[in-house]
Amino acid sequence: MVETDRAVAVVLDDILLASFVAGSKDPDAYVISGDAFSKPEPYGIMLRKDDPPSRTVADAATAALYQSADGQKLYDKWFMQKIPPKGLNLTRNGVELKREFAVPSDSPIRIPIGM
């Protein structure tokens, strides 16, 4: 809608915004604001609230993946290079998302970088 002048702005997560910009006819015509409604974080996994053992397994498995060499390869593949089939580059991700992969947490409260 922004590309066809039916809207002047859109609010989405940074990965979706970056993909829309990268796939547009004129990516240089757009800017993604540095202002954010929330801090970036990896997508989560939904499971039943009353199943702590499953949550423990899911948390441990995702944290292990994020911190492994395979996790770094996945991060680099999807966020640091062109993605087939259109060759989109989503290098919009900043320090915050990289930190979430390095130090996974299920806490909504994070200490700002540099503090």
PDB file of N, CA and C in Angstrom:
ATOM      1  N   MET A   1       0.831  -1.204   0.000  1.00  0.00           N
ATOM      2  CA  MET A   1       0.000   0.000   0.000  1.00  0.00           C
ATOM      3  C   MET A   1       0.868   1.257   0.000  1.00  0.00           C
ATOM      4  N   VAL A   2       1.999   1.205   0.690  1.00  0.00           N
ATOM      5  CA  VAL A   2       2.902   2.360   0.691  1.00  0.00           C
ATOM      6  C   VAL A   2       3.475   2.560  -0.714  1.00  0.00           C
ATOM      7  N   GLU A   3       3.843   1.463  -1.358  1.00  0.00           N
ATOM      8  CA  GLU A   3       4.443   1.550  -2.693  1.00  0.00           C
ATOM      9  C   GLU A   3       3.482   2.127  -3.722  1.00  0.00           C
ATOM     10  N   THR A   4       2.183   1.940  -3.531  1.00  0.00           N
ATOM     11  CA  THR A   4       1.190   2.463  -4.479  1.00  0.00           C
ATOM     12  C   THR A   4       0.498   3.723  -3.959  1.00  0.00           C
ATOM     13  N   ASP A   5       1.085   4.366  -2.942  1.00  0.00           N
ATOM     14  CA  ASP A   5       0.595   5.625  -2.375  1.00  0.00           C
ATOM     15  C   ASP A   5      -0.797   5.531  -1.756  1.00  0.00           C
ATOM     16  N   ARG A   6      -1.206   4.328  -1.350  1.00  0.00           N
ATOM     17  CA  ARG A   6      -2.474   4.194  -0.624  1.00  0.00           C
ATOM     18  C   ARG A   6      -2.262   4.319   0.866  1.00  0.00           C
ATOM     19  N   ALA A   7      -0.992   4.368   1.308  1.00  0.00           N
ATOM     20  CA  ALA A   7      -0.623   4.579   2.713  1.00  0.00           C
ATOM     21  C   ALA A   7       0.714   5.311   2.719  1.00  0.00           C
ATOM     22  N   VAL A   8       0.979   6.075   3.780  1.00  0.00           N
ATOM     23  CA  VAL A   8       2.248   6.804   3.868  1.00  0.00           C
ATOM     24  C   VAL A   8       3.237   6.119   4.805  1.00  0.00           C
ATOM     25  N   ALA A   9       2.763   5.143   5.584  1.00  0.00           N
ATOM     26  CA  ALA A   9       3.637   4.437   6.514  1.00  0.00           C
ATOM     27  C   ALA A   9       2.995   3.106   6.871  1.00  0.00           C
ATOM     28  N   VAL A  10       3.827   2.222   7.422  1.00  0.00           N
ATOM     29  CA  VAL A  10       3.337   0.929   7.901  1.00  0.00           C
ATOM     30  C   VAL A  10       4.156   0.546   9.132  1.00  0.00           C
ATOM     31  N   VAL A  11       3.500  -0.110  10.085  1.00  0.00           N
ATOM     32  CA  VAL A  11       4.175  -0.568  11.301  1.00  0.00           C
ATOM     33  C   VAL A  11       4.153  -2.092  11.300  1.00  0.00           C
ATOM     34  N   LEU A  12       5.344  -2.685  11.296  1.00  0.00           N
ATOM     35  CA  LEU A  12       5.521  -4.134  11.342  1.00  0.00           C
ATOM     36  C   LEU A  12       6.831  -4.423  12.048  1.00  0.00           C
ATOM     37  N   ASP A  13       7.148  -5.703  12.230  1.00  0.00           N
ATOM     38  CA  ASP A  13       8.458  -5.992  12.799  1.00  0.00           C
ATOM     39  C   ASP A  13       9.530  -5.711  11.750  1.00  0.00           C
ATOM     40  N   ASP A  14      10.760  -5.497  12.215  1.00  0.00           N
ATOM     41  CA  ASP A  14      11.811  -5.012  11.312  1.00  0.00           C
ATOM     42  C   ASP A  14      12.135  -5.980  10.186  1.00  0.00           C
ATOM     43  N   ILE A  15      12.005  -7.277  10.409  1.00  0.00           N
ATOM     44  CA  ILE A  15      12.298  -8.243   9.350  1.00  0.00           C
ATOM     45  C   ILE A  15      11.281  -8.121   8.223  1.00  0.00           C
ATOM     46  N   LEU A  16      10.001  -8.006   8.565  1.00  0.00           N
ATOM     47  CA  LEU A  16       8.981  -7.842   7.526  1.00  0.00           C
ATOM     48  C   LEU A  16       9.172  -6.523   6.786  1.00  0.00           C
ATOM     49  N   LEU A  17       9.463  -5.450   7.529  1.00  0.00           N
ATOM     50  CA  LEU A  17       9.708  -4.164   6.866  1.00  0.00           C
ATOM     51  C   LEU A  17      10.890  -4.263   5.908  1.00  0.00           C
ATOM     52  N   ALA A  18      11.973  -4.866   6.362  1.00  0.00           N
ATOM     53  CA  ALA A  18      13.159  -5.004   5.516  1.00  0.00           C
ATOM     54  C   ALA A  18      12.853  -5.829   4.280  1.00  0.00           C
ATOM     55  N   SER A  19      12.031  -6.869   4.418  1.00  0.00           N
ATOM     56  CA  SER A  19      11.703  -7.691   3.254  1.00  0.00           C
ATOM     57  C   SER A  19      10.841  -6.911   2.265  1.00  0.00           C
ATOM     58  N   PHE A  20       9.909  -6.099   2.757  1.00  0.00           N
ATOM     59  CA  PHE A  20       9.094  -5.283   1.860  1.00  0.00           C
ATOM     60  C   PHE A  20       9.945  -4.250   1.128  1.00  0.00           C
ATOM     61  N   VAL A  21      10.855  -3.610   1.849  1.00  0.00           N
ATOM     62  CA  VAL A  21      11.742  -2.618   1.218  1.00  0.00           C
ATOM     63  C   VAL A  21      12.626  -3.297   0.179  1.00  0.00           C
ATOM     64  N   ALA A  22      13.263  -4.403   0.561  1.00  0.00           N
ATOM     65  CA  ALA A  22      14.174  -5.100  -0.356  1.00  0.00           C
ATOM     66  C   ALA A  22      13.446  -5.585  -1.603  1.00  0.00           C
ATOM     67  N   GLY A  23      12.188  -5.953  -1.478  1.00  0.00           N
ATOM     68  CA  GLY A  23      11.419  -6.455  -2.610  1.00  0.00           C
ATOM     69  C   GLY A  23      10.673  -5.399  -3.390  1.00  0.00           C
ATOM     70  N   SER A  24      10.793  -4.145  -2.991  1.00  0.00           N
ATOM     71  CA  SER A  24      10.073  -3.072  -3.686  1.00  0.00           C
ATOM     72  C   SER A  24      10.761  -2.703  -4.997  1.00  0.00           C
ATOM     73  N   LYS A  25      10.057  -1.934  -5.827  1.00  0.00           N
ATOM     74  CA  LYS A  25      10.620  -1.501  -7.108  1.00  0.00           C
ATOM     75  C   LYS A  25      11.794  -0.550  -6.913  1.00  0.00           C
ATOM     76  N   ASP A  26      11.763   0.235  -5.822  1.00  0.00           N
ATOM     77  CA  ASP A  26      12.826   1.214  -5.570  1.00  0.00           C
ATOM     78  C   ASP A  26      13.179   1.214  -4.085  1.00  0.00           C
ATOM     79  N   PRO A  27      14.005   0.260  -3.628  1.00  0.00           N
ATOM     80  CA  PRO A  27      14.336   0.166  -2.200  1.00  0.00           C
ATOM     81  C   PRO A  27      14.937   1.445  -1.620  1.00  0.00           C
ATOM     82  N   ASP A  28      15.631   2.231  -2.440  1.00  0.00           N
ATOM     83  CA  ASP A  28      16.233   3.474  -1.941  1.00  0.00           C
ATOM     84  C   ASP A  28      15.199   4.555  -1.637  1.00  0.00           C
ATOM     85  N   ALA A  29      13.949   4.351  -2.035  1.00  0.00           N
ATOM     86  CA  ALA A  29      12.892   5.333  -1.796  1.00  0.00           C
ATOM     87  C   ALA A  29      12.305   5.223  -0.392  1.00  0.00           C
ATOM     88  N   TYR A  30      12.756   4.224   0.374  1.00  0.00           N
ATOM     89  CA  TYR A  30      12.171   3.978   1.692  1.00  0.00           C
ATOM     90  C   TYR A  30      13.196   4.096   2.797  1.00  0.00           C
ATOM     91  N   VAL A  31      12.699   4.427   3.976  1.00  0.00           N
ATOM     92  CA  VAL A  31      13.535   4.451   5.173  1.00  0.00           C
ATOM     93  C   VAL A  31      12.777   3.709   6.271  1.00  0.00           C
ATOM     94  N   ILE A  32      13.510   2.911   7.037  1.00  0.00           N
ATOM     95  CA  ILE A  32      12.919   2.230   8.187  1.00  0.00           C
ATOM     96  C   ILE A  32      13.352   3.012   9.414  1.00  0.00           C
ATOM     97  N   SER A  33      12.390   3.517  10.134  1.00  0.00           N
ATOM     98  CA  SER A  33      12.661   4.332  11.314  1.00  0.00           C
ATOM     99  C   SER A  33      13.450   3.559  12.356  1.00  0.00           C
ATOM    100  N   GLY A  34      14.326   4.249  13.047  1.00  0.00           N
ATOM    101  CA  GLY A  34      15.059   3.650  14.152  1.00  0.00           C
ATOM    102  C   GLY A  34      14.219   3.573  15.416  1.00  0.00           C
ATOM    103  N   ASP A  35      13.084   4.273  15.428  1.00  0.00           N
ATOM    104  CA  ASP A  35      12.178   4.213  16.572  1.00  0.00           C
ATOM    105  C   ASP A  35      11.475   2.861  16.576  1.00  0.00           C
ATOM    106  N   ALA A  36      11.247   2.329  17.754  1.00  0.00           N
ATOM    107  CA  ALA A  36      10.615   1.019  17.840  1.00  0.00           C
ATOM    108  C   ALA A  36       9.603   0.990  18.974  1.00  0.00           C
ATOM    109  N   PHE A  37       8.556   0.194  18.808  1.00  0.00           N
ATOM    110  CA  PHE A  37       7.562  -0.001  19.856  1.00  0.00           C
ATOM    111  C   PHE A  37       8.048  -0.994  20.896  1.00  0.00           C
ATOM    112  N   SER A  38       8.976  -1.852  20.492  1.00  0.00           N
ATOM    113  CA  SER A  38       9.543  -2.838  21.410  1.00  0.00           C
ATOM    114  C   SER A  38      10.929  -3.223  20.922  1.00  0.00           C
ATOM    115  N   LYS A  39      11.660  -3.886  21.771  1.00  0.00           N
ATOM    116  CA  LYS A  39      12.991  -4.348  21.391  1.00  0.00           C
ATOM    117  C   LYS A  39      12.872  -5.585  20.510  1.00  0.00           C
ATOM    118  N   PRO A  40      13.789  -5.749  19.542  1.00  0.00           N
ATOM    119  CA  PRO A  40      13.754  -6.956  18.715  1.00  0.00           C
ATOM    120  C   PRO A  40      13.988  -8.205  19.562  1.00  0.00           C
ATOM    121  N   GLU A  41      13.353  -9.273  19.177  1.00  0.00           N
ATOM    122  CA  GLU A  41      13.569 -10.543  19.850  1.00  0.00           C
ATOM    123  C   GLU A  41      13.239 -11.663  18.877  1.00  0.00           C
ATOM    124  N   PRO A  42      13.863 -12.810  19.045  1.00  0.00           N
ATOM    125  CA  PRO A  42      13.543 -13.933  18.165  1.00  0.00           C
ATOM    126  C   PRO A  42      12.079 -14.336  18.331  1.00  0.00           C
ATOM    127  N   TYR A  43      11.545 -14.925  17.297  1.00  0.00           N
ATOM    128  CA  TYR A  43      10.182 -15.434  17.390  1.00  0.00           C
ATOM    129  C   TYR A  43      10.117 -16.540  18.428  1.00  0.00           C
ATOM    130  N   GLY A  44       8.958 -16.708  19.033  1.00  0.00           N
ATOM    131  CA  GLY A  44       8.810 -17.685  20.098  1.00  0.00           C
ATOM    132  C   GLY A  44       8.109 -18.944  19.655  1.00  0.00           C
ATOM    133  N   ILE A  45       7.970 -19.830  20.584  1.00  0.00           N
ATOM    134  CA  ILE A  45       7.266 -21.092  20.370  1.00  0.00           C
ATOM    135  C   ILE A  45       6.092 -21.118  21.335  1.00  0.00           C
ATOM    136  N   MET A  46       4.901 -21.397  20.822  1.00  0.00           N
ATOM    137  CA  MET A  46       3.731 -21.439  21.681  1.00  0.00           C
ATOM    138  C   MET A  46       3.522 -22.870  22.172  1.00  0.00           C
ATOM    139  N   LEU A  47       3.253 -22.989  23.476  1.00  0.00           N
ATOM    140  CA  LEU A  47       2.925 -24.280  24.053  1.00  0.00           C
ATOM    141  C   LEU A  47       1.971 -24.068  25.216  1.00  0.00           C
ATOM    142  N   ARG A  48       1.421 -25.146  25.719  1.00  0.00           N
ATOM    143  CA  ARG A  48       0.425 -25.032  26.787  1.00  0.00           C
ATOM    144  C   ARG A  48       1.018 -24.389  28.036  1.00  0.00           C
ATOM    145  N   LYS A  49       0.241 -23.531  28.653  1.00  0.00           N
ATOM    146  CA  LYS A  49       0.662 -22.815  29.853  1.00  0.00           C
ATOM    147  C   LYS A  49       0.911 -23.756  31.031  1.00  0.00           C
ATOM    148  N   ASP A  50       0.155 -24.824  31.102  1.00  0.00           N
ATOM    149  CA  ASP A  50       0.232 -25.733  32.245  1.00  0.00           C
ATOM    150  C   ASP A  50       1.174 -26.922  31.988  1.00  0.00           C
ATOM    151  N   ASP A  51       2.236 -26.709  31.193  1.00  0.00           N
ATOM    152  CA  ASP A  51       3.153 -27.795  30.853  1.00  0.00           C
ATOM    153  C   ASP A  51       4.607 -27.344  31.026  1.00  0.00           C
ATOM    154  N   PRO A  52       5.032 -27.094  32.296  1.00  0.00           N
ATOM    155  CA  PRO A  52       6.405 -26.635  32.535  1.00  0.00           C
ATOM    156  C   PRO A  52       7.487 -27.550  31.972  1.00  0.00           C
ATOM    157  N   PRO A  53       7.334 -28.878  31.992  1.00  0.00           N
ATOM    158  CA  PRO A  53       8.396 -29.708  31.414  1.00  0.00           C
ATOM    159  C   PRO A  53       8.616 -29.443  29.914  1.00  0.00           C
ATOM    160  N   SER A  54       7.522 -29.241  29.175  1.00  0.00           N
ATOM    161  CA  SER A  54       7.671 -28.934  27.744  1.00  0.00           C
ATOM    162  C   SER A  54       8.344 -27.585  27.547  1.00  0.00           C
ATOM    163  N   ARG A  55       8.002 -26.621  28.373  1.00  0.00           N
ATOM    164  CA  ARG A  55       8.635 -25.309  28.275  1.00  0.00           C
ATOM    165  C   ARG A  55      10.137 -25.411  28.545  1.00  0.00           C
ATOM    166  N   THR A  56      10.505 -26.188  29.541  1.00  0.00           N
ATOM    167  CA  THR A  56      11.922 -26.370  29.862  1.00  0.00           C
ATOM    168  C   THR A  56      12.673 -26.962  28.673  1.00  0.00           C
ATOM    169  N   VAL A  57      12.082 -27.980  28.047  1.00  0.00           N
ATOM    170  CA  VAL A  57      12.707 -28.612  26.884  1.00  0.00           C
ATOM    171  C   VAL A  57      12.809 -27.616  25.731  1.00  0.00           C
ATOM    172  N   ALA A  58      11.716 -26.891  25.433  1.00  0.00           N
ATOM    173  CA  ALA A  58      11.719 -25.923  24.329  1.00  0.00           C
ATOM    174  C   ALA A  58      12.729 -24.803  24.578  1.00  0.00           C
ATOM    175  N   ASP A  59      12.757 -24.267  25.798  1.00  0.00           N
ATOM    176  CA  ASP A  59      13.713 -23.195  26.128  1.00  0.00           C
ATOM    177  C   ASP A  59      15.152 -23.673  25.974  1.00  0.00           C
ATOM    178  N   ALA A  60      15.440 -24.858  26.467  1.00  0.00           N
ATOM    179  CA  ALA A  60      16.805 -25.385  26.393  1.00  0.00           C
ATOM    180  C   ALA A  60      17.209 -25.652  24.948  1.00  0.00           C
ATOM    181  N   ALA A  61      16.290 -26.212  24.160  1.00  0.00           N
ATOM    182  CA  ALA A  61      16.604 -26.541  22.762  1.00  0.00           C
ATOM    183  C   ALA A  61      16.839 -25.284  21.932  1.00  0.00           C
ATOM    184  N   THR A  62      15.982 -24.271  22.097  1.00  0.00           N
ATOM    185  CA  THR A  62      16.173 -23.057  21.305  1.00  0.00           C
ATOM    186  C   THR A  62      17.412 -22.297  21.762  1.00  0.00           C
ATOM    187  N   ALA A  63      17.668 -22.227  23.056  1.00  0.00           N
ATOM    188  CA  ALA A  63      18.875 -21.550  23.544  1.00  0.00           C
ATOM    189  C   ALA A  63      20.130 -22.254  23.028  1.00  0.00           C
ATOM    190  N   ALA A  64      20.116 -23.586  23.045  1.00  0.00           N
ATOM    191  CA  ALA A  64      21.277 -24.340  22.540  1.00  0.00           C
ATOM    192  C   ALA A  64      21.485 -24.079  21.057  1.00  0.00           C
ATOM    193  N   LEU A  65      20.400 -24.032  20.284  1.00  0.00           N
ATOM    194  CA  LEU A  65      20.525 -23.748  18.854  1.00  0.00           C
ATOM    195  C   LEU A  65      21.057 -22.340  18.623  1.00  0.00           C
ATOM    196  N   TYR A  66      20.462 -21.345  19.295  1.00  0.00           N
ATOM    197  CA  TYR A  66      20.900 -19.954  19.106  1.00  0.00           C
ATOM    198  C   TYR A  66      22.387 -19.789  19.387  1.00  0.00           C
ATOM    199  N   GLN A  67      22.889 -20.485  20.375  1.00  0.00           N
ATOM    200  CA  GLN A  67      24.275 -20.304  20.808  1.00  0.00           C
ATOM    201  C   GLN A  67      25.258 -21.239  20.105  1.00  0.00           C
ATOM    202  N   SER A  68      24.775 -22.119  19.257  1.00  0.00           N
ATOM    203  CA  SER A  68      25.639 -23.090  18.585  1.00  0.00           C
ATOM    204  C   SER A  68      26.191 -22.531  17.275  1.00  0.00           C
ATOM    205  N   ALA A  69      27.149 -23.239  16.722  1.00  0.00           N
ATOM    206  CA  ALA A  69      27.680 -22.882  15.398  1.00  0.00           C
ATOM    207  C   ALA A  69      26.572 -22.968  14.349  1.00  0.00           C
ATOM    208  N   ASP A  70      25.666 -23.946  14.489  1.00  0.00           N
ATOM    209  CA  ASP A  70      24.542 -24.049  13.552  1.00  0.00           C
ATOM    210  C   ASP A  70      23.616 -22.848  13.670  1.00  0.00           C
ATOM    211  N   GLY A  71      23.414 -22.359  14.891  1.00  0.00           N
ATOM    212  CA  GLY A  71      22.598 -21.160  15.088  1.00  0.00           C
ATOM    213  C   GLY A  71      23.210 -19.960  14.400  1.00  0.00           C
ATOM    214  N   GLN A  72      24.520 -19.811  14.496  1.00  0.00           N
ATOM    215  CA  GLN A  72      25.214 -18.711  13.815  1.00  0.00           C
ATOM    216  C   GLN A  72      25.069 -18.841  12.302  1.00  0.00           C
ATOM    217  N   LYS A  73      25.161 -20.072  11.796  1.00  0.00           N
ATOM    218  CA  LYS A  73      24.993 -20.298  10.353  1.00  0.00           C
ATOM    219  C   LYS A  73      23.582 -19.922   9.905  1.00  0.00           C
ATOM    220  N   LEU A  74      22.574 -20.318  10.691  1.00  0.00           N
ATOM    221  CA  LEU A  74      21.194 -19.955  10.360  1.00  0.00           C
ATOM    222  C   LEU A  74      20.991 -18.450  10.396  1.00  0.00           C
ATOM    223  N   TYR A  75      21.517 -17.791  11.428  1.00  0.00           N
ATOM    224  CA  TYR A  75      21.415 -16.326  11.532  1.00  0.00           C
ATOM    225  C   TYR A  75      22.037 -15.671  10.302  1.00  0.00           C
ATOM    226  N   ASP A  76      23.247 -16.107   9.955  1.00  0.00           N
ATOM    227  CA  ASP A  76      23.938 -15.535   8.799  1.00  0.00           C
ATOM    228  C   ASP A  76      23.166 -15.791   7.508  1.00  0.00           C
ATOM    229  N   LYS A  77      22.617 -16.999   7.361  1.00  0.00           N
ATOM    230  CA  LYS A  77      21.887 -17.354   6.144  1.00  0.00           C
ATOM    231  C   LYS A  77      20.660 -16.469   5.949  1.00  0.00           C
ATOM    232  N   TRP A  78      19.881 -16.260   6.993  1.00  0.00           N
ATOM    233  CA  TRP A  78      18.609 -15.565   6.852  1.00  0.00           C
ATOM    234  C   TRP A  78      18.694 -14.057   7.070  1.00  0.00           C
ATOM    235  N   PHE A  79      19.703 -13.587   7.800  1.00  0.00           N
ATOM    236  CA  PHE A  79      19.749 -12.164   8.124  1.00  0.00           C
ATOM    237  C   PHE A  79      20.948 -11.418   7.558  1.00  0.00           C
ATOM    238  N   MET A  80      21.953 -12.114   7.068  1.00  0.00           N
ATOM    239  CA  MET A  80      23.172 -11.422   6.655  1.00  0.00           C
ATOM    240  C   MET A  80      23.520 -11.586   5.170  1.00  0.00           C
ATOM    241  N   GLN A  81      22.710 -12.288   4.401  1.00  0.00           N
ATOM    242  CA  GLN A  81      22.996 -12.447   2.974  1.00  0.00           C
ATOM    243  C   GLN A  81      21.703 -12.478   2.180  1.00  0.00           C
ATOM    244  N   LYS A  82      21.817 -12.473   0.884  1.00  0.00           N
ATOM    245  CA  LYS A  82      20.644 -12.498   0.014  1.00  0.00           C
ATOM    246  C   LYS A  82      19.924 -13.828   0.139  1.00  0.00           C
ATOM    247  N   ILE A  83      18.588 -13.750   0.162  1.00  0.00           N
ATOM    248  CA  ILE A  83      17.747 -14.925   0.353  1.00  0.00           C
ATOM    249  C   ILE A  83      17.072 -15.278  -0.972  1.00  0.00           C
ATOM    250  N   PRO A  84      17.217 -16.519  -1.426  1.00  0.00           N
ATOM    251  CA  PRO A  84      16.541 -16.944  -2.651  1.00  0.00           C
ATOM    252  C   PRO A  84      15.030 -16.992  -2.417  1.00  0.00           C
ATOM    253  N   PRO A  85      14.176 -16.958  -3.384  1.00  0.00           N
ATOM    254  CA  PRO A  85      14.505 -16.939  -4.798  1.00  0.00           C
ATOM    255  C   PRO A  85      14.668 -15.535  -5.370  1.00  0.00           C
ATOM    256  N   LYS A  86      14.269 -14.508  -4.624  1.00  0.00           N
ATOM    257  CA  LYS A  86      14.330 -13.138  -5.147  1.00  0.00           C
ATOM    258  C   LYS A  86      15.636 -12.431  -4.819  1.00  0.00           C
ATOM    259  N   GLY A  87      16.495 -13.035  -4.035  1.00  0.00           N
ATOM    260  CA  GLY A  87      17.757 -12.402  -3.681  1.00  0.00           C
ATOM    261  C   GLY A  87      17.600 -11.226  -2.731  1.00  0.00           C
ATOM    262  N   LEU A  88      16.586 -11.286  -1.867  1.00  0.00           N
ATOM    263  CA  LEU A  88      16.364 -10.202  -0.914  1.00  0.00           C
ATOM    264  C   LEU A  88      17.425 -10.242   0.177  1.00  0.00           C
ATOM    265  N   ASN A  89      17.846  -9.063   0.603  1.00  0.00           N
ATOM    266  CA  ASN A  89      18.843  -8.963   1.660  1.00  0.00           C
ATOM    267  C   ASN A  89      18.202  -8.264   2.848  1.00  0.00           C
ATOM    268  N   LEU A  90      18.131  -8.944   3.981  1.00  0.00           N
ATOM    269  CA  LEU A  90      17.468  -8.415   5.178  1.00  0.00           C
ATOM    270  C   LEU A  90      18.478  -7.979   6.228  1.00  0.00           C
ATOM    271  N   THR A  91      19.520  -7.310   5.840  1.00  0.00           N
ATOM    272  CA  THR A  91      20.583  -6.934   6.770  1.00  0.00           C
ATOM    273  C   THR A  91      20.177  -5.806   7.699  1.00  0.00           C
ATOM    274  N   ARG A  92      18.912  -5.541   7.844  1.00  0.00           N
ATOM    275  CA  ARG A  92      18.402  -4.492   8.715  1.00  0.00           C
ATOM    276  C   ARG A  92      18.684  -4.791  10.189  1.00  0.00           C
ATOM    277  N   ASN A  93      18.833  -6.058  10.546  1.00  0.00           N
ATOM    278  CA  ASN A  93      18.971  -6.433  11.956  1.00  0.00           C
ATOM    279  C   ASN A  93      20.165  -5.785  12.609  1.00  0.00           C
ATOM    280  N   GLY A  94      19.944  -5.319  13.804  1.00  0.00           N
ATOM    281  CA  GLY A  94      20.996  -4.641  14.528  1.00  0.00           C
ATOM    282  C   GLY A  94      21.547  -5.452  15.676  1.00  0.00           C
ATOM    283  N   VAL A  95      22.197  -4.752  16.542  1.00  0.00           N
ATOM    284  CA  VAL A  95      22.888  -5.342  17.675  1.00  0.00           C
ATOM    285  C   VAL A  95      21.924  -6.071  18.609  1.00  0.00           C
ATOM    286  N   GLU A  96      20.706  -5.551  18.776  1.00  0.00           N
ATOM    287  CA  GLU A  96      19.783  -6.144  19.745  1.00  0.00           C
ATOM    288  C   GLU A  96      19.412  -7.583  19.388  1.00  0.00           C
ATOM    289  N   LEU A  97      19.068  -7.835  18.121  1.00  0.00           N
ATOM    290  CA  LEU A  97      18.696  -9.193  17.745  1.00  0.00           C
ATOM    291  C   LEU A  97      19.894 -10.130  17.834  1.00  0.00           C
ATOM    292  N   LYS A  98      21.057  -9.647  17.440  1.00  0.00           N
ATOM    293  CA  LYS A  98      22.272 -10.452  17.543  1.00  0.00           C
ATOM    294  C   LYS A  98      22.512 -10.839  19.010  1.00  0.00           C
ATOM    295  N   ARG A  99      22.251  -9.893  19.920  1.00  0.00           N
ATOM    296  CA  ARG A  99      22.426 -10.161  21.353  1.00  0.00           C
ATOM    297  C   ARG A  99      21.422 -11.191  21.850  1.00  0.00           C
ATOM    298  N   GLU A 100      20.199 -11.143  21.352  1.00  0.00           N
ATOM    299  CA  GLU A 100      19.189 -12.124  21.758  1.00  0.00           C
ATOM    300  C   GLU A 100      19.618 -13.528  21.384  1.00  0.00           C
ATOM    301  N   PHE A 101      20.267 -13.672  20.254  1.00  0.00           N
ATOM    302  CA  PHE A 101      20.759 -14.988  19.861  1.00  0.00           C
ATOM    303  C   PHE A 101      21.931 -15.402  20.743  1.00  0.00           C
ATOM    304  N   ALA A 102      22.790 -14.458  21.112  1.00  0.00           N
ATOM    305  CA  ALA A 102      23.972 -14.776  21.926  1.00  0.00           C
ATOM    306  C   ALA A 102      23.608 -15.076  23.376  1.00  0.00           C
ATOM    307  N   VAL A 103      22.594 -14.359  23.900  1.00  0.00           N
ATOM    308  CA  VAL A 103      22.194 -14.514  25.303  1.00  0.00           C
ATOM    309  C   VAL A 103      20.676 -14.670  25.362  1.00  0.00           C
ATOM    310  N   PRO A 104      20.159 -15.848  24.987  1.00  0.00           N
ATOM    311  CA  PRO A 104      18.705 -16.041  24.959  1.00  0.00           C
ATOM    312  C   PRO A 104      18.088 -15.916  26.342  1.00  0.00           C
ATOM    313  N   SER A 105      16.868 -15.380  26.372  1.00  0.00           N
ATOM    314  CA  SER A 105      16.148 -15.232  27.634  1.00  0.00           C
ATOM    315  C   SER A 105      14.660 -15.199  27.356  1.00  0.00           C
ATOM    316  N   ASP A 106      13.869 -15.701  28.273  1.00  0.00           N
ATOM    317  CA  ASP A 106      12.421 -15.577  28.131  1.00  0.00           C
ATOM    318  C   ASP A 106      11.895 -14.379  28.923  1.00  0.00           C
ATOM    319  N   SER A 107      12.803 -13.585  29.442  1.00  0.00           N
ATOM    320  CA  SER A 107      12.419 -12.406  30.216  1.00  0.00           C
ATOM    321  C   SER A 107      12.103 -11.242  29.286  1.00  0.00           C
ATOM    322  N   PRO A 108      10.989 -10.537  29.520  1.00  0.00           N
ATOM    323  CA  PRO A 108      10.687  -9.356  28.712  1.00  0.00           C
ATOM    324  C   PRO A 108      11.536  -8.151  29.112  1.00  0.00           C
ATOM    325  N   ILE A 109      12.244  -8.245  30.228  1.00  0.00           N
ATOM    326  CA  ILE A 109      13.060  -7.135  30.717  1.00  0.00           C
ATOM    327  C   ILE A 109      14.515  -7.424  30.382  1.00  0.00           C
ATOM    328  N   ARG A 110      15.110  -6.569  29.559  1.00  0.00           N
ATOM    329  CA  ARG A 110      16.503  -6.741  29.163  1.00  0.00           C
ATOM    330  C   ARG A 110      17.276  -5.492  29.538  1.00  0.00           C
ATOM    331  N   ILE A 111      18.510  -5.674  29.960  1.00  0.00           N
ATOM    332  CA  ILE A 111      19.369  -4.530  30.253  1.00  0.00           C
ATOM    333  C   ILE A 111      19.863  -3.980  28.937  1.00  0.00           C
ATOM    334  N   PRO A 112      19.709  -2.677  28.684  1.00  0.00           N
ATOM    335  CA  PRO A 112      20.157  -2.091  27.430  1.00  0.00           C
ATOM    336  C   PRO A 112      21.641  -2.340  27.210  1.00  0.00           C
ATOM    337  N   ILE A 113      22.014  -2.478  25.949  1.00  0.00           N
ATOM    338  CA  ILE A 113      23.406  -2.684  25.582  1.00  0.00           C
ATOM    339  C   ILE A 113      24.207  -1.472  26.017  1.00  0.00           C
ATOM    340  N   GLY A 114      25.369  -1.723  26.585  1.00  0.00           N
ATOM    341  CA  GLY A 114      26.223  -0.634  27.025  1.00  0.00           C
ATOM    342  C   GLY A 114      26.054  -0.277  28.500  1.00  0.00           C
ATOM    343  N   MET A 115      25.098  -0.908  29.176  1.00  0.00           N
ATOM    344  CA  MET A 115      24.888  -0.599  30.591  1.00  0.00           C
ATOM    345  C   MET A 115      25.519  -1.655  31.458  1.00  0.00           C
TER     346      MET A 115
END
